[in-house]
Amino acid sequence: MVKIYTSPTCAICFALKEFLKANKIEFEEIDLSQNKKAREEIIKKSSKMELPIIEIDDKIVVGFDKEAICKLLNIKEQRTKNNKQ
């Protein structure tokens, strides 16, 4: 299960969502600007207050760290919307 914690004004969050969609990765998006309980829980889990935060099978990645995300999701090619292969 992939969960991403975002806010509507976060450009990096948008880029992460596009990357996941381009690689056909299903995810659940949690908008922290609208969900105080989720915000408190993810801050406890990650000890961070920056976005995006990605939770992949109980592992936390803070920021759009393509290398770490690809490793956890076994993505061999780092596709983007502009670089479809």
Protein backbone atom coordinates (compact mmCIF):
# COMPACT_ATOMS: atom_id res chain seq x y z
CA MET A 1 0.00 0.00 0.00
CA VAL A 2 1.30 3.43 -0.99
CA LYS A 3 0.05 6.50 0.84
CA ILE A 4 1.16 10.00 0.02
CA TYR A 5 0.67 12.92 2.36
CA THR A 6 0.25 16.17 0.47
CA SER A 7 -1.24 19.64 0.41
CA PRO A 8 -2.93 21.32 -2.57
CA THR A 9 -0.31 24.10 -2.77
CA CYS A 10 2.71 21.75 -2.87
CA ALA A 11 4.30 21.66 -6.34
CA ILE A 12 6.60 18.78 -5.39
CA CYS A 13 3.55 16.80 -4.26
CA PHE A 14 2.04 17.31 -7.72
CA ALA A 15 5.27 16.10 -9.36
CA LEU A 16 5.28 13.01 -7.13
CA LYS A 17 1.70 12.16 -8.09
CA GLU A 18 2.53 12.53 -11.80
CA PHE A 19 5.57 10.27 -11.35
CA LEU A 20 3.52 7.58 -9.60
CA LYS A 21 0.77 7.77 -12.23
CA ALA A 22 3.33 7.53 -15.06
CA ASN A 23 4.72 4.38 -13.45
CA LYS A 24 1.22 2.96 -12.89
CA ILE A 25 1.56 2.95 -9.10
CA GLU A 26 -1.75 3.13 -7.26
CA PHE A 27 -1.73 5.35 -4.20
CA GLU A 28 -3.96 6.83 -1.57
CA GLU A 29 -3.59 10.58 -1.19
CA ILE A 30 -4.11 12.20 2.19
CA ASP A 31 -4.50 15.99 2.08
CA LEU A 32 -2.93 17.19 5.31
CA SER A 33 -4.45 20.64 4.95
CA GLN A 34 -7.85 19.01 5.47
CA ASN A 35 -7.00 16.20 7.91
CA LYS A 36 -5.58 17.29 11.27
CA LYS A 37 -5.54 13.75 12.72
CA ALA A 38 -3.53 12.38 9.77
CA ARG A 39 -1.17 15.38 10.02
CA GLU A 40 -0.46 14.63 13.69
CA GLU A 41 0.02 10.91 13.00
CA ILE A 42 2.46 11.36 10.11
CA ILE A 43 4.50 13.93 12.04
CA LYS A 44 4.88 11.34 14.81
CA LYS A 45 5.89 8.66 12.29
CA SER A 46 8.29 10.78 10.26
CA SER A 47 9.46 13.41 12.76
CA LYS A 48 9.19 15.87 9.85
CA MET A 49 6.89 18.67 8.82
CA GLU A 50 7.82 18.86 5.14
CA LEU A 51 5.89 17.50 2.18
CA PRO A 52 5.43 15.24 0.42
CA ILE A 53 5.72 12.29 2.74
CA ILE A 54 5.37 8.85 1.20
CA GLU A 55 4.52 5.73 3.17
CA ILE A 56 5.27 2.49 1.36
CA ASP A 57 4.56 -0.70 3.31
CA ASP A 58 5.19 1.10 6.63
CA LYS A 59 8.45 2.67 5.37
CA ILE A 60 8.58 6.47 5.29
CA VAL A 61 10.23 8.62 2.60
CA VAL A 62 10.25 12.37 3.19
CA GLY A 63 10.38 14.49 0.05
CA PHE A 64 10.35 13.36 -3.56
CA ASP A 65 13.39 11.07 -3.32
CA LYS A 66 13.08 9.19 -6.62
CA GLU A 67 15.90 6.80 -5.85
CA ALA A 68 14.42 5.69 -2.52
CA ILE A 69 10.90 5.49 -3.95
CA CYS A 70 12.02 3.45 -6.96
CA LYS A 71 13.92 1.07 -4.71
CA LEU A 72 10.94 0.51 -2.40
CA LEU A 73 8.52 0.06 -5.31
CA ASN A 74 10.90 -1.95 -7.53
CA ILE A 75 10.65 0.62 -10.33
CA LYS A 76 13.54 0.04 -12.70
CA GLU A 77 12.91 2.95 -15.05
CA GLN A 78 12.29 6.37 -13.61
CA ARG A 79 9.55 7.52 -15.96
CA THR A 80 8.03 10.94 -15.95
CA LYS A 81 5.03 12.22 -17.87
CA ASN A 82 7.36 13.86 -20.42
CA ASN A 83 9.61 10.79 -20.69
CA LYS A 84 7.23 7.89 -21.41
CA GLN A 85 8.91 4.68 -22.45
